[in-house]
N, C-alpha and C. Protein backbone atom coordinates (compact mmCIF):
# COMPACT_ATOMS: atom_id res chain seq x y z
N MET A 1 0.77 -1.51 0.10
CA MET A 1 0.00 -0.35 -0.35
C MET A 1 1.06 1.14 -0.45
N ALA A 2 0.40 1.77 -1.31
CA ALA A 2 1.34 2.86 -1.09
C ALA A 2 0.09 4.23 -0.60
N ILE A 3 1.40 5.25 0.20
CA ILE A 3 0.52 6.10 0.66
C ILE A 3 1.14 7.62 0.50
N VAL A 4 0.53 8.76 0.55
CA VAL A 4 1.20 9.83 0.10
C VAL A 4 0.45 10.77 1.13
N GLU A 5 1.49 11.69 1.71
CA GLU A 5 1.89 12.53 2.68
C GLU A 5 0.74 13.70 2.28
N MET A 6 -0.22 14.37 2.87
CA MET A 6 -1.30 15.33 2.34
C MET A 6 -1.01 16.57 3.73
N GLU A 7 -1.74 17.65 3.30
CA GLU A 7 -2.12 18.88 4.25
C GLU A 7 -3.01 19.60 4.34
N LEU A 8 -3.26 19.75 5.20
CA LEU A 8 -4.82 20.78 5.61
C LEU A 8 -4.68 22.19 4.76
N ASN A 9 -5.31 22.01 3.85
CA ASN A 9 -5.25 23.13 2.42
C ASN A 9 -6.15 24.34 2.99
N LYS A 10 -7.36 23.94 3.10
CA LYS A 10 -8.69 24.84 3.66
C LYS A 10 -9.98 24.07 4.07
N ILE A 11 -10.55 25.42 4.52
CA ILE A 11 -11.74 24.69 5.14
C ILE A 11 -13.17 25.68 4.26
N ARG A 12 -13.64 24.64 3.73
CA ARG A 12 -14.84 25.95 2.40
C ARG A 12 -16.02 25.44 2.77
N ILE A 13 -17.21 26.75 2.50
CA ILE A 13 -18.75 26.04 2.80
C ILE A 13 -19.16 26.09 1.45
N ASP A 14 -19.64 25.04 1.11
CA ASP A 14 -20.59 24.75 -0.55
C ASP A 14 -21.81 25.53 0.07
N GLU A 15 -21.88 26.44 -0.54
CA GLU A 15 -22.98 27.31 -0.37
C GLU A 15 -24.43 26.94 -0.60
N ASN A 16 -24.08 26.04 -2.20
CA ASN A 16 -25.31 25.68 -2.54
C ASN A 16 -25.81 24.43 -1.41
N ARG A 17 -24.90 23.54 -1.32
CA ARG A 17 -25.48 22.35 -0.35
C ARG A 17 -25.64 22.57 0.92
N GLY A 18 -24.76 23.65 1.58
CA GLY A 18 -24.80 23.75 2.87
C GLY A 18 -24.25 22.66 3.50
N GLU A 19 -22.99 22.80 3.20
CA GLU A 19 -22.10 21.38 4.22
C GLU A 19 -20.40 22.31 3.74
N GLN A 20 -19.81 21.62 4.83
CA GLN A 20 -18.40 22.05 5.65
C GLN A 20 -17.45 21.23 4.30
N VAL A 21 -16.74 22.01 3.59
CA VAL A 21 -15.39 20.63 2.94
C VAL A 21 -14.23 20.97 3.42
N ILE A 22 -13.58 20.06 3.62
CA ILE A 22 -12.06 20.07 4.26
C ILE A 22 -10.94 19.91 2.83
N ILE A 23 -10.10 20.08 2.20
CA ILE A 23 -9.52 20.15 1.41
C ILE A 23 -8.45 20.06 1.92
N LEU A 24 -7.66 18.59 1.78
CA LEU A 24 -6.42 17.90 2.07
C LEU A 24 -5.53 17.83 0.30
N LYS A 25 -4.77 18.80 0.69
CA LYS A 25 -3.61 18.61 -0.87
C LYS A 25 -2.71 18.02 -0.75
N GLU A 26 -1.65 16.98 -1.77
CA GLU A 26 -0.94 16.48 -1.60
C GLU A 26 0.54 17.26 -1.30
N ARG A 27 1.37 17.06 -0.32
CA ARG A 27 2.27 17.58 0.38
C ARG A 27 3.32 17.91 -0.82
N ASP A 28 4.10 17.57 -2.01
CA ASP A 28 4.72 17.70 -2.76
C ASP A 28 4.03 17.52 -4.24
N GLY A 29 2.68 17.76 -4.10
CA GLY A 29 2.37 17.27 -5.71
C GLY A 29 0.91 18.85 -5.68
N ALA A 30 0.28 18.11 -6.62
CA ALA A 30 -0.89 18.90 -6.95
C ALA A 30 -2.41 18.42 -6.13
N ARG A 31 -2.02 16.70 -6.25
CA ARG A 31 -4.33 17.25 -6.12
C ARG A 31 -4.52 16.89 -4.81
N VAL A 32 -5.58 16.96 -4.88
CA VAL A 32 -6.44 17.48 -3.47
C VAL A 32 -7.32 16.23 -3.60
N LEU A 33 -7.39 16.22 -1.89
CA LEU A 33 -8.98 15.29 -1.57
C LEU A 33 -9.87 16.11 -0.90
N PRO A 34 -11.38 16.32 -1.68
CA PRO A 34 -12.53 17.65 -0.67
C PRO A 34 -12.89 16.05 0.24
N ILE A 35 -12.91 16.65 1.45
CA ILE A 35 -14.02 15.65 2.46
C ILE A 35 -15.00 16.36 2.70
N VAL A 36 -16.26 15.98 2.43
CA VAL A 36 -17.74 16.63 3.16
C VAL A 36 -17.29 16.73 4.71
N ILE A 37 -17.22 16.95 5.97
CA ILE A 37 -17.38 16.76 7.25
C ILE A 37 -18.09 17.44 7.96
N GLY A 38 -18.77 17.53 9.26
CA GLY A 38 -19.79 17.62 10.16
C GLY A 38 -19.25 19.23 10.42
N ILE A 39 -20.24 19.99 11.47
CA ILE A 39 -19.63 21.04 11.84
C ILE A 39 -19.28 21.22 12.93
N MET A 40 -19.64 20.04 13.80
CA MET A 40 -18.74 19.58 14.92
C MET A 40 -17.42 19.40 14.52
N GLU A 41 -16.91 18.62 13.72
CA GLU A 41 -15.21 18.49 13.45
C GLU A 41 -14.68 19.75 12.33
N VAL A 42 -15.39 20.23 11.63
CA VAL A 42 -14.93 21.79 11.64
C VAL A 42 -14.50 22.68 12.44
N THR A 43 -15.70 22.74 13.79
CA THR A 43 -15.58 23.58 15.01
C THR A 43 -13.83 23.24 15.44
N ALA A 44 -13.89 22.35 15.48
CA ALA A 44 -13.00 21.37 16.66
C ALA A 44 -11.37 21.64 15.75
N ILE A 45 -11.49 21.56 14.23
CA ILE A 45 -10.33 21.98 13.51
C ILE A 45 -10.38 23.47 13.68
N LYS A 46 -11.29 24.35 13.80
CA LYS A 46 -10.95 25.82 13.32
C LYS A 46 -10.54 26.50 15.03
N MET A 47 -10.87 25.75 15.78
CA MET A 47 -10.99 26.35 17.03
C MET A 47 -8.83 26.07 17.32
N LYS A 48 -8.68 24.88 17.09
CA LYS A 48 -7.06 24.45 16.99
C LYS A 48 -6.60 24.87 16.45
N ILE A 49 -6.98 25.47 15.68
CA ILE A 49 -5.89 25.81 14.00
C ILE A 49 -5.78 27.56 14.61
N SER A 50 -6.81 27.66 15.04
CA SER A 50 -6.43 29.54 15.68
C SER A 50 -6.16 29.51 16.99
N GLY A 51 -6.24 28.20 17.82
CA GLY A 51 -5.36 28.36 18.74
C GLY A 51 -6.21 29.20 20.46
N ILE A 52 -7.29 28.54 20.13
CA ILE A 52 -8.65 28.73 20.74
C ILE A 52 -8.77 27.80 21.81
N THR A 53 -8.80 27.74 23.25
CA THR A 53 -8.71 26.43 23.83
C THR A 53 -9.95 26.72 24.52
N PRO A 54 -10.64 25.95 24.78
CA PRO A 54 -12.06 25.80 25.04
C PRO A 54 -12.42 25.26 26.67
N PRO A 55 -13.07 25.97 27.31
CA PRO A 55 -12.82 26.04 28.96
C PRO A 55 -12.74 24.16 29.25
N ARG A 56 -13.45 23.55 28.55
CA ARG A 56 -13.81 22.16 29.03
C ARG A 56 -13.07 21.20 27.84
N PRO A 57 -12.45 20.18 27.96
CA PRO A 57 -12.37 19.23 26.51
C PRO A 57 -13.48 18.78 25.88
N MET A 58 -13.04 18.80 24.68
CA MET A 58 -13.66 18.82 23.13
C MET A 58 -13.46 17.06 23.52
N THR A 59 -14.22 17.08 22.88
CA THR A 59 -14.30 15.04 22.64
C THR A 59 -13.16 14.87 21.68
N HIS A 60 -11.92 15.68 21.23
CA HIS A 60 -10.72 15.48 19.95
C HIS A 60 -9.81 15.57 21.03
N ASP A 61 -9.52 16.24 21.96
CA ASP A 61 -9.00 16.92 23.15
C ASP A 61 -8.76 15.72 24.07
N LEU A 62 -10.15 15.35 24.39
CA LEU A 62 -10.16 14.03 25.38
C LEU A 62 -9.11 12.99 24.55
N LEU A 63 -10.14 12.81 23.29
CA LEU A 63 -8.89 11.49 22.92
C LEU A 63 -7.57 11.98 22.93
N TRP A 64 -7.18 12.85 22.45
CA TRP A 64 -5.57 13.05 22.12
C TRP A 64 -5.23 13.32 23.87
N THR A 65 -5.46 13.44 24.46
CA THR A 65 -5.15 13.57 26.00
C THR A 65 -5.17 12.29 26.29
N THR A 66 -5.73 11.17 26.28
CA THR A 66 -5.87 9.82 26.60
C THR A 66 -4.94 9.18 26.25
N ILE A 67 -5.12 9.43 24.92
CA ILE A 67 -3.14 8.88 23.87
C ILE A 67 -2.35 9.20 24.55
N LYS A 68 -1.76 10.32 24.88
CA LYS A 68 -0.78 10.22 25.73
C LYS A 68 -0.81 10.29 27.01
N GLN A 69 -1.87 10.43 28.05
CA GLN A 69 -1.46 9.92 29.07
C GLN A 69 -1.41 7.99 29.00
N LEU A 70 -1.73 7.82 28.24
CA LEU A 70 -1.40 5.89 28.19
C LEU A 70 -0.18 5.29 27.59
N GLY A 71 0.84 6.98 27.36
CA GLY A 71 2.16 6.40 26.59
C GLY A 71 1.89 6.51 25.42
N ALA A 72 1.65 6.41 24.11
CA ALA A 72 1.06 6.23 23.21
C ALA A 72 1.14 7.23 22.48
N LYS A 73 1.40 7.01 21.17
CA LYS A 73 2.30 8.01 20.25
C LYS A 73 0.92 8.41 18.94
N LEU A 74 0.41 9.26 18.47
CA LEU A 74 0.14 8.98 17.05
C LEU A 74 0.48 8.85 16.12
N ASP A 75 1.09 8.55 15.40
CA ASP A 75 1.69 8.25 14.38
C ASP A 75 1.63 8.83 13.45
N LYS A 76 0.51 8.28 12.59
CA LYS A 76 -0.14 9.40 11.64
C LYS A 76 -1.67 8.75 11.35
N ILE A 77 -2.31 9.64 10.10
CA ILE A 77 -3.59 8.73 10.13
C ILE A 77 -3.84 8.63 8.54
N ILE A 78 -4.39 7.82 8.12
CA ILE A 78 -4.11 8.29 6.35
C ILE A 78 -5.95 7.61 6.43
N ILE A 79 -5.87 8.63 5.09
CA ILE A 79 -7.45 8.31 4.84
C ILE A 79 -7.30 7.17 3.54
N THR A 80 -8.34 5.98 4.14
CA THR A 80 -7.81 4.57 2.95
C THR A 80 -8.87 4.42 1.93
N LYS A 81 -10.52 5.21 2.34
CA LYS A 81 -10.55 4.24 0.72
C LYS A 81 -12.37 5.08 0.59
N LEU A 82 -12.95 5.28 -0.59
CA LEU A 82 -14.30 5.88 -0.32
C LEU A 82 -15.22 5.11 -0.71
N GLU A 83 -16.27 4.19 -0.33
CA GLU A 83 -17.47 3.66 -0.62
C GLU A 83 -18.84 4.49 -0.47
N GLN A 84 -19.31 4.22 -1.16
CA GLN A 84 -20.89 4.91 -1.40
C GLN A 84 -20.85 6.72 -0.63
N ASN A 85 -19.92 6.96 -1.33
CA ASN A 85 -19.69 8.42 -1.15
C ASN A 85 -19.40 8.39 0.78
N THR A 86 -18.86 7.81 0.95
CA THR A 86 -18.85 7.76 2.43
C THR A 86 -16.95 7.43 2.33
N PHE A 87 -16.27 8.36 3.08
CA PHE A 87 -14.08 8.49 2.66
C PHE A 87 -14.43 7.47 4.23
N PHE A 88 -13.34 6.42 4.36
CA PHE A 88 -12.86 5.84 5.91
C PHE A 88 -11.53 6.66 6.12
N ALA A 89 -11.08 6.22 6.96
CA ALA A 89 -10.01 6.63 7.59
C ALA A 89 -9.31 5.86 8.74
N LYS A 90 -8.17 5.49 9.28
CA LYS A 90 -7.41 5.08 10.07
C LYS A 90 -6.50 5.84 10.86
N LEU A 91 -6.37 5.67 12.43
CA LEU A 91 -5.31 5.82 13.17
C LEU A 91 -4.38 4.83 13.25
N VAL A 92 -3.14 5.32 13.38
CA VAL A 92 -2.00 4.90 13.27
C VAL A 92 -0.80 4.96 14.91
N ILE A 93 -1.46 3.83 15.20
CA ILE A 93 -1.15 4.39 17.08
C ILE A 93 0.02 3.32 17.88
N GLN A 94 1.51 3.84 18.48
CA GLN A 94 2.06 2.86 18.66
C GLN A 94 2.15 3.31 19.84
N MET A 95 2.32 1.86 20.61
CA MET A 95 2.27 1.88 22.11
C MET A 95 2.93 0.44 22.63
N ASP A 96 3.67 0.69 23.66
CA ASP A 96 4.75 -0.15 24.03
C ASP A 96 5.02 -1.17 23.02
N GLY A 97 5.73 -0.80 21.86
CA GLY A 97 6.45 -1.32 20.99
C GLY A 97 5.43 -2.45 19.68
N ARG A 98 4.26 -1.68 20.13
CA ARG A 98 3.48 -2.51 18.65
C ARG A 98 2.64 -1.41 18.23
N VAL A 99 2.21 -1.71 16.61
CA VAL A 99 1.57 -0.42 15.91
C VAL A 99 0.04 -1.18 16.35
N GLU A 100 -1.07 -0.32 16.64
CA GLU A 100 -2.30 -0.34 16.43
C GLU A 100 -2.93 0.50 15.58
N GLU A 101 -4.05 0.13 14.53
CA GLU A 101 -4.49 0.63 13.47
C GLU A 101 -6.01 0.32 13.76
N VAL A 102 -6.52 1.91 13.81
CA VAL A 102 -7.89 2.00 14.73
C VAL A 102 -8.53 3.18 13.60
N ASP A 103 -10.27 2.14 13.39
CA ASP A 103 -10.90 2.36 12.06
C ASP A 103 -11.43 4.06 12.72
N SER A 104 -11.61 4.94 12.11
CA SER A 104 -11.51 6.56 12.39
C SER A 104 -13.13 6.98 11.09
N ARG A 105 -13.75 8.22 11.50
CA ARG A 105 -13.72 9.11 10.14
C ARG A 105 -13.21 10.01 9.75
N PRO A 106 -12.84 10.13 8.52
CA PRO A 106 -11.56 11.39 8.48
C PRO A 106 -11.74 12.42 8.87
N SER A 107 -12.99 13.11 9.37
CA SER A 107 -13.29 14.38 9.93
C SER A 107 -12.25 14.41 11.62
N ASP A 108 -12.61 13.32 12.25
CA ASP A 108 -12.38 12.99 13.62
C ASP A 108 -10.42 12.40 13.80
N SER A 109 -10.42 11.76 12.59
CA SER A 109 -8.83 12.10 12.46
C SER A 109 -8.44 12.98 11.94
N ILE A 110 -8.47 14.10 11.33
CA ILE A 110 -7.60 14.86 10.60
C ILE A 110 -7.93 15.52 12.32
N ALA A 111 -8.79 15.91 12.57
CA ALA A 111 -9.28 16.78 14.28
C ALA A 111 -7.83 16.75 15.27
N LEU A 112 -7.56 15.25 15.38
CA LEU A 112 -6.83 14.55 16.38
C LEU A 112 -5.22 14.71 15.63
N ALA A 113 -5.11 14.63 14.44
CA ALA A 113 -3.90 14.65 13.71
C ALA A 113 -3.49 16.17 14.14
N ILE A 114 -4.22 17.33 14.44
CA ILE A 114 -4.02 18.16 14.17
C ILE A 114 -3.84 18.93 15.68
N ARG A 115 -4.14 17.95 16.63
CA ARG A 115 -3.64 18.37 18.09
C ARG A 115 -2.48 17.37 18.55
N ALA A 116 -2.50 16.31 17.89
CA ALA A 116 -1.07 15.52 17.86
C ALA A 116 0.29 15.92 17.02
N ASN A 117 -0.06 17.50 16.17
CA ASN A 117 0.95 17.02 15.24
C ASN A 117 1.53 15.93 14.41
N ALA A 118 0.63 15.09 14.25
CA ALA A 118 0.91 14.31 13.57
C ALA A 118 0.56 13.97 11.93
N PRO A 119 1.09 13.22 11.28
CA PRO A 119 0.96 13.97 9.70
C PRO A 119 -0.20 12.96 8.98
N ILE A 120 -0.80 13.53 7.87
CA ILE A 120 -1.94 12.94 7.40
C ILE A 120 -1.55 12.69 6.01
N PHE A 121 -2.05 11.39 6.08
CA PHE A 121 -1.68 10.33 4.72
C PHE A 121 -3.08 10.23 4.04
N ALA A 122 -2.55 9.95 2.85
CA ALA A 122 -3.78 9.41 1.90
C ALA A 122 -3.25 8.20 1.24
N GLU A 123 -4.05 7.21 0.96
CA GLU A 123 -3.95 6.18 -0.41
C GLU A 123 -3.05 6.28 -1.50
N GLU A 124 -2.57 5.83 -1.86
CA GLU A 124 -2.42 6.46 -3.47
C GLU A 124 -3.05 6.47 -4.12
N GLU A 125 -4.25 4.57 -4.47
CA GLU A 125 -4.58 4.67 -5.59
C GLU A 125 -6.19 5.96 -5.29
N LEU A 126 -6.28 5.37 -3.48
CA LEU A 126 -7.67 6.39 -3.62
C LEU A 126 -7.99 8.12 -3.92
N LEU A 127 -6.36 8.68 -3.83
CA LEU A 127 -5.75 9.66 -4.04
C LEU A 127 -6.04 9.75 -6.08
N ASN A 128 -5.51 8.70 -6.54
CA ASN A 128 -5.78 9.00 -8.06
C ASN A 128 -7.00 8.73 -8.81
N LYS A 129 -7.90 8.15 -7.48
CA LYS A 129 -9.30 8.07 -8.26
C LYS A 129 -9.90 9.09 -7.83
N ILE A 130 -9.80 9.75 -6.63
CA ILE A 130 -10.54 11.06 -6.89
C ILE A 130 -9.93 11.99 -7.87
N SER A 131 -8.95 12.41 -8.00
CA SER A 131 -8.10 13.38 -8.76
C SER A 131 -8.28 13.03 -10.40
N ASN A 132 -8.85 11.88 -10.13
CA ASN A 132 -9.22 11.83 -12.24
C ASN A 132 -10.61 12.23 -12.23
N ASN A 133 -11.89 11.75 -11.09
CA ASN A 133 -13.18 12.26 -10.91
C ASN A 133 -12.86 13.87 -11.45
N LEU A 134 -12.65 14.68 -10.46
CA LEU A 134 -12.11 16.06 -10.12
C LEU A 134 -12.11 16.54 -11.38
N GLU A 135 -11.43 15.84 -12.58
CA GLU A 135 -10.81 16.70 -13.74
C GLU A 135 -11.32 16.78 -14.26
């Protein structure tokens, strides 16, 4: 499985459909991966990027704190596939010398990766498929 490093490029609102779209861009290239996400995840991502700390931990903050306190590390996230208009992702967590992969929604994965300063990847095959459909 070949993976490509991505970076958060922008978050935009699709005025016609009232959806929030996060745009991931290939770090060393031009391909993009647009993913529709929910308002709560957009809020969590924007708050962290803006340096806003809520008075109480939000869900993504809670998960990140739990991972750290267990002595684990979020190694990376990988956007893995698209099935029936739904993207899939996984968290790759290192703990006690082993690597665990945890199924996750891409929006939650990205919100967590931003908190952990973990890299964001996409499967090469998925990226090729999406990029071809955007042309």
